[in-house]
Amino acid sequence: MENIIGSIIMSILAILCILISYRQFKEKGFLFNNAYIFASKEERESMDRTPHYKQSGIVFLLMGITSLIIAVDVIIKTSWLYYCELAIIAGMIVYAIVSSVKIEKRTK
């Protein structure tokens, strides 16, 4: 029973992440990006938000995919899906760092 509840929770989380990702790709709504969140009001007004929206969209999409894989893994209990989850999470972290550095270099 707890497997089904865990899978439902992870599926809902995945859907939320994918919806946020879609809105980030469309450049609608709040920009979930540290560069924007921690910028001053003057920096926010002059900032090119497009690369930050794209970066956030990709990260939320990867979080949604990871959550879906976890939901499936909770139900079918395989060992190899765990490695897929870790690979996607590692790739997401590397992408976030590398893309942040590239965006910073482009703006300076």
N, C-alpha and C. Protein backbone atom coordinates (compact mmCIF):
# COMPACT_ATOMS: atom_id res chain seq x y z
N MET A 1 0.81 -1.20 0.00
CA MET A 1 0.00 0.00 0.00
C MET A 1 0.85 1.26 0.00
N GLU A 2 1.92 1.27 0.83
CA GLU A 2 2.78 2.45 0.88
C GLU A 2 3.52 2.67 -0.44
N ASN A 3 3.72 1.60 -1.22
CA ASN A 3 4.34 1.75 -2.53
C ASN A 3 3.44 2.55 -3.47
N ILE A 4 2.16 2.29 -3.41
CA ILE A 4 1.21 3.00 -4.28
C ILE A 4 1.13 4.47 -3.86
N ILE A 5 1.10 4.74 -2.56
CA ILE A 5 1.03 6.12 -2.08
C ILE A 5 2.30 6.87 -2.48
N GLY A 6 3.46 6.25 -2.30
CA GLY A 6 4.72 6.87 -2.69
C GLY A 6 4.78 7.15 -4.18
N SER A 7 4.28 6.21 -4.96
CA SER A 7 4.27 6.38 -6.41
C SER A 7 3.33 7.52 -6.82
N ILE A 8 2.18 7.63 -6.17
CA ILE A 8 1.24 8.71 -6.47
C ILE A 8 1.85 10.07 -6.12
N ILE A 9 2.51 10.15 -4.98
CA ILE A 9 3.14 11.39 -4.56
C ILE A 9 4.23 11.80 -5.56
N MET A 10 5.06 10.85 -5.96
CA MET A 10 6.12 11.15 -6.92
C MET A 10 5.55 11.52 -8.29
N SER A 11 4.44 10.91 -8.67
CA SER A 11 3.80 11.24 -9.95
C SER A 11 3.25 12.66 -9.92
N ILE A 12 2.64 13.05 -8.81
CA ILE A 12 2.13 14.41 -8.68
C ILE A 12 3.28 15.42 -8.72
N LEU A 13 4.37 15.09 -8.03
CA LEU A 13 5.55 15.95 -8.06
C LEU A 13 6.10 16.06 -9.48
N ALA A 14 6.12 14.95 -10.21
CA ALA A 14 6.61 14.96 -11.59
C ALA A 14 5.74 15.86 -12.47
N ILE A 15 4.43 15.75 -12.32
CA ILE A 15 3.51 16.57 -13.11
C ILE A 15 3.72 18.05 -12.79
N LEU A 16 3.88 18.39 -11.51
CA LEU A 16 4.12 19.78 -11.14
C LEU A 16 5.42 20.31 -11.74
N CYS A 17 6.48 19.49 -11.69
CA CYS A 17 7.76 19.90 -12.25
C CYS A 17 7.66 20.11 -13.76
N ILE A 18 6.95 19.23 -14.44
CA ILE A 18 6.80 19.35 -15.89
C ILE A 18 5.96 20.57 -16.25
N LEU A 19 4.92 20.86 -15.47
CA LEU A 19 4.13 22.07 -15.71
C LEU A 19 4.96 23.34 -15.49
N ILE A 20 5.74 23.37 -14.44
CA ILE A 20 6.62 24.51 -14.20
C ILE A 20 7.63 24.64 -15.33
N SER A 21 8.16 23.51 -15.79
CA SER A 21 9.11 23.51 -16.90
C SER A 21 8.47 24.11 -18.14
N TYR A 22 7.25 23.71 -18.45
CA TYR A 22 6.54 24.23 -19.62
C TYR A 22 6.40 25.75 -19.53
N ARG A 23 6.02 26.24 -18.36
CA ARG A 23 5.85 27.68 -18.18
C ARG A 23 7.19 28.41 -18.26
N GLN A 24 8.26 27.78 -17.80
CA GLN A 24 9.58 28.40 -17.90
C GLN A 24 10.01 28.49 -19.37
N PHE A 25 9.76 27.44 -20.14
CA PHE A 25 10.10 27.47 -21.56
C PHE A 25 9.30 28.53 -22.31
N LYS A 26 8.07 28.77 -21.90
CA LYS A 26 7.22 29.80 -22.51
C LYS A 26 7.52 31.20 -21.96
N GLU A 27 8.44 31.28 -21.00
CA GLU A 27 8.84 32.53 -20.34
C GLU A 27 7.64 33.23 -19.69
N LYS A 28 6.83 32.43 -19.02
CA LYS A 28 5.65 32.95 -18.31
C LYS A 28 5.82 32.68 -16.82
N GLY A 29 5.31 33.57 -16.01
CA GLY A 29 5.33 33.36 -14.58
C GLY A 29 6.66 33.73 -13.94
N PHE A 30 6.78 33.36 -12.69
CA PHE A 30 7.97 33.68 -11.91
C PHE A 30 9.17 32.92 -12.45
N LEU A 31 10.31 33.60 -12.52
CA LEU A 31 11.55 32.97 -12.98
C LEU A 31 12.24 32.30 -11.80
N PHE A 32 12.24 30.96 -11.81
CA PHE A 32 12.86 30.18 -10.74
C PHE A 32 14.35 29.98 -11.05
N ASN A 33 15.13 31.04 -10.85
CA ASN A 33 16.55 30.97 -11.13
C ASN A 33 17.28 31.82 -10.09
N ASN A 34 18.35 31.27 -9.53
CA ASN A 34 19.08 31.98 -8.48
C ASN A 34 19.62 33.32 -8.95
N ALA A 35 20.08 33.39 -10.20
CA ALA A 35 20.63 34.64 -10.71
C ALA A 35 19.56 35.73 -10.69
N TYR A 36 18.33 35.37 -10.95
CA TYR A 36 17.24 36.34 -10.93
C TYR A 36 16.77 36.61 -9.50
N ILE A 37 16.63 35.57 -8.72
CA ILE A 37 16.11 35.72 -7.36
C ILE A 37 17.02 36.60 -6.50
N PHE A 38 18.34 36.42 -6.63
CA PHE A 38 19.27 37.17 -5.79
C PHE A 38 19.75 38.47 -6.42
N ALA A 39 19.25 38.82 -7.60
CA ALA A 39 19.63 40.08 -8.24
C ALA A 39 18.88 41.24 -7.61
N SER A 40 19.51 42.40 -7.67
CA SER A 40 18.83 43.59 -7.16
C SER A 40 17.74 44.01 -8.13
N LYS A 41 16.91 44.93 -7.72
CA LYS A 41 15.80 45.37 -8.56
C LYS A 41 16.31 45.98 -9.87
N GLU A 42 17.40 46.73 -9.80
CA GLU A 42 17.97 47.34 -11.00
C GLU A 42 18.53 46.28 -11.95
N GLU A 43 19.19 45.26 -11.37
CA GLU A 43 19.73 44.18 -12.20
C GLU A 43 18.62 43.37 -12.85
N ARG A 44 17.54 43.14 -12.13
CA ARG A 44 16.41 42.39 -12.68
C ARG A 44 15.81 43.09 -13.90
N GLU A 45 15.71 44.43 -13.83
CA GLU A 45 15.11 45.18 -14.93
C GLU A 45 15.97 45.15 -16.18
N SER A 46 17.29 45.13 -16.01
CA SER A 46 18.18 45.16 -17.18
C SER A 46 18.64 43.76 -17.63
N MET A 47 18.25 42.74 -16.90
CA MET A 47 18.71 41.37 -17.16
C MET A 47 18.01 40.76 -18.38
N ASP A 48 18.80 40.04 -19.19
CA ASP A 48 18.22 39.23 -20.26
C ASP A 48 17.76 37.93 -19.63
N ARG A 49 16.44 37.75 -19.53
CA ARG A 49 15.89 36.61 -18.80
C ARG A 49 15.82 35.34 -19.63
N THR A 50 15.92 35.43 -20.93
CA THR A 50 15.73 34.26 -21.80
C THR A 50 16.64 33.08 -21.46
N PRO A 51 17.97 33.28 -21.31
CA PRO A 51 18.80 32.11 -20.98
C PRO A 51 18.49 31.53 -19.60
N HIS A 52 18.06 32.38 -18.68
CA HIS A 52 17.73 31.90 -17.34
C HIS A 52 16.43 31.10 -17.34
N TYR A 53 15.46 31.56 -18.14
CA TYR A 53 14.21 30.79 -18.28
C TYR A 53 14.51 29.43 -18.91
N LYS A 54 15.36 29.42 -19.92
CA LYS A 54 15.70 28.15 -20.59
C LYS A 54 16.39 27.20 -19.62
N GLN A 55 17.35 27.72 -18.87
CA GLN A 55 18.06 26.89 -17.90
C GLN A 55 17.10 26.31 -16.87
N SER A 56 16.22 27.13 -16.34
CA SER A 56 15.26 26.67 -15.34
C SER A 56 14.29 25.66 -15.95
N GLY A 57 13.88 25.88 -17.19
CA GLY A 57 12.99 24.94 -17.86
C GLY A 57 13.61 23.57 -18.02
N ILE A 58 14.87 23.54 -18.41
CA ILE A 58 15.56 22.25 -18.59
C ILE A 58 15.73 21.55 -17.24
N VAL A 59 16.11 22.28 -16.22
CA VAL A 59 16.31 21.67 -14.90
C VAL A 59 14.98 21.12 -14.36
N PHE A 60 13.90 21.88 -14.48
CA PHE A 60 12.60 21.38 -14.00
C PHE A 60 12.13 20.19 -14.83
N LEU A 61 12.41 20.17 -16.12
CA LEU A 61 12.06 19.02 -16.94
C LEU A 61 12.83 17.78 -16.49
N LEU A 62 14.10 17.93 -16.22
CA LEU A 62 14.89 16.80 -15.73
C LEU A 62 14.42 16.34 -14.35
N MET A 63 14.00 17.28 -13.51
CA MET A 63 13.45 16.91 -12.20
C MET A 63 12.15 16.13 -12.38
N GLY A 64 11.33 16.54 -13.34
CA GLY A 64 10.08 15.83 -13.60
C GLY A 64 10.33 14.42 -14.12
N ILE A 65 11.29 14.29 -15.03
CA ILE A 65 11.63 12.96 -15.57
C ILE A 65 12.16 12.07 -14.46
N THR A 66 13.02 12.62 -13.61
CA THR A 66 13.56 11.85 -12.49
C THR A 66 12.45 11.41 -11.55
N SER A 67 11.51 12.29 -11.28
CA SER A 67 10.39 11.93 -10.40
C SER A 67 9.53 10.84 -11.00
N LEU A 68 9.32 10.88 -12.31
CA LEU A 68 8.56 9.81 -12.96
C LEU A 68 9.28 8.47 -12.87
N ILE A 69 10.59 8.50 -13.07
CA ILE A 69 11.37 7.27 -12.98
C ILE A 69 11.32 6.72 -11.55
N ILE A 70 11.39 7.61 -10.56
CA ILE A 70 11.30 7.17 -9.17
C ILE A 70 9.92 6.56 -8.89
N ALA A 71 8.86 7.17 -9.45
CA ALA A 71 7.51 6.63 -9.26
C ALA A 71 7.40 5.22 -9.83
N VAL A 72 7.99 5.01 -11.00
CA VAL A 72 7.97 3.67 -11.60
C VAL A 72 8.82 2.72 -10.78
N ASP A 73 9.97 3.19 -10.33
CA ASP A 73 10.88 2.35 -9.55
C ASP A 73 10.25 1.92 -8.22
N VAL A 74 9.46 2.79 -7.62
CA VAL A 74 8.79 2.44 -6.36
C VAL A 74 7.82 1.28 -6.57
N ILE A 75 7.18 1.25 -7.72
CA ILE A 75 6.20 0.20 -7.99
C ILE A 75 6.85 -1.11 -8.40
N ILE A 76 7.79 -1.04 -9.39
CA ILE A 76 8.32 -2.30 -9.92
C ILE A 76 9.58 -2.78 -9.19
N LYS A 77 10.19 -1.92 -8.40
CA LYS A 77 11.34 -2.29 -7.55
C LYS A 77 12.47 -2.98 -8.31
N THR A 78 13.05 -2.25 -9.24
CA THR A 78 14.21 -2.78 -9.95
C THR A 78 15.46 -2.06 -9.45
N SER A 79 16.58 -2.71 -9.59
CA SER A 79 17.82 -2.10 -9.13
C SER A 79 18.43 -1.20 -10.21
N TRP A 80 18.17 -1.49 -11.48
CA TRP A 80 18.83 -0.73 -12.54
C TRP A 80 18.23 0.66 -12.73
N LEU A 81 16.97 0.87 -12.36
CA LEU A 81 16.37 2.20 -12.47
C LEU A 81 17.02 3.18 -11.50
N TYR A 82 17.52 2.68 -10.39
CA TYR A 82 18.21 3.52 -9.43
C TYR A 82 19.42 4.19 -10.08
N TYR A 83 20.13 3.46 -10.91
CA TYR A 83 21.31 4.01 -11.58
C TYR A 83 20.90 5.04 -12.64
N CYS A 84 19.76 4.85 -13.27
CA CYS A 84 19.23 5.85 -14.20
C CYS A 84 18.90 7.14 -13.47
N GLU A 85 18.29 6.99 -12.31
CA GLU A 85 17.95 8.17 -11.50
C GLU A 85 19.22 8.94 -11.12
N LEU A 86 20.23 8.22 -10.65
CA LEU A 86 21.48 8.87 -10.26
C LEU A 86 22.15 9.55 -11.45
N ALA A 87 22.11 8.91 -12.61
CA ALA A 87 22.74 9.49 -13.80
C ALA A 87 22.03 10.79 -14.21
N ILE A 88 20.71 10.79 -14.17
CA ILE A 88 19.97 12.00 -14.54
C ILE A 88 20.22 13.12 -13.53
N ILE A 89 20.24 12.77 -12.26
CA ILE A 89 20.49 13.78 -11.23
C ILE A 89 21.91 14.36 -11.37
N ALA A 90 22.89 13.50 -11.61
CA ALA A 90 24.26 13.98 -11.81
C ALA A 90 24.34 14.87 -13.04
N GLY A 91 23.69 14.46 -14.13
CA GLY A 91 23.68 15.27 -15.35
C GLY A 91 23.00 16.61 -15.13
N MET A 92 21.95 16.61 -14.33
CA MET A 92 21.23 17.85 -14.03
C MET A 92 22.13 18.81 -13.26
N ILE A 93 22.86 18.31 -12.30
CA ILE A 93 23.76 19.15 -11.51
C ILE A 93 24.87 19.72 -12.38
N VAL A 94 25.47 18.86 -13.20
CA VAL A 94 26.54 19.32 -14.10
C VAL A 94 25.99 20.36 -15.07
N TYR A 95 24.81 20.10 -15.65
CA TYR A 95 24.21 21.06 -16.59
C TYR A 95 23.98 22.40 -15.90
N ALA A 96 23.43 22.39 -14.70
CA ALA A 96 23.13 23.64 -14.00
C ALA A 96 24.41 24.45 -13.76
N ILE A 97 25.48 23.79 -13.38
CA ILE A 97 26.74 24.50 -13.12
C ILE A 97 27.34 25.03 -14.41
N VAL A 98 27.44 24.18 -15.42
CA VAL A 98 28.06 24.58 -16.69
C VAL A 98 27.26 25.68 -17.37
N SER A 99 25.94 25.55 -17.39
CA SER A 99 25.13 26.58 -18.06
C SER A 99 25.18 27.90 -17.29
N SER A 100 25.27 27.85 -15.98
CA SER A 100 25.40 29.09 -15.20
C SER A 100 26.69 29.81 -15.53
N VAL A 101 27.77 29.06 -15.65
CA VAL A 101 29.06 29.66 -16.00
C VAL A 101 28.99 30.25 -17.41
N LYS A 102 28.39 29.55 -18.35
CA LYS A 102 28.28 30.06 -19.73
C LYS A 102 27.42 31.32 -19.79
N ILE A 103 26.33 31.33 -19.04
CA ILE A 103 25.47 32.52 -19.03
C ILE A 103 26.21 33.71 -18.44
N GLU A 104 26.97 33.49 -17.38
CA GLU A 104 27.75 34.56 -16.77
C GLU A 104 28.80 35.09 -17.72
N LYS A 105 29.47 34.20 -18.44
CA LYS A 105 30.50 34.65 -19.39
C LYS A 105 29.88 35.46 -20.53
N ARG A 106 28.70 35.07 -20.95
CA ARG A 106 28.02 35.75 -22.05
C ARG A 106 27.57 37.16 -21.66
N THR A 107 27.21 37.34 -20.40
CA THR A 107 26.71 38.64 -19.97
C THR A 107 27.81 39.63 -19.62
N LYS A 108 29.00 39.17 -19.47
CA LYS A 108 30.11 40.08 -19.10
C LYS A 108 30.93 40.47 -20.29
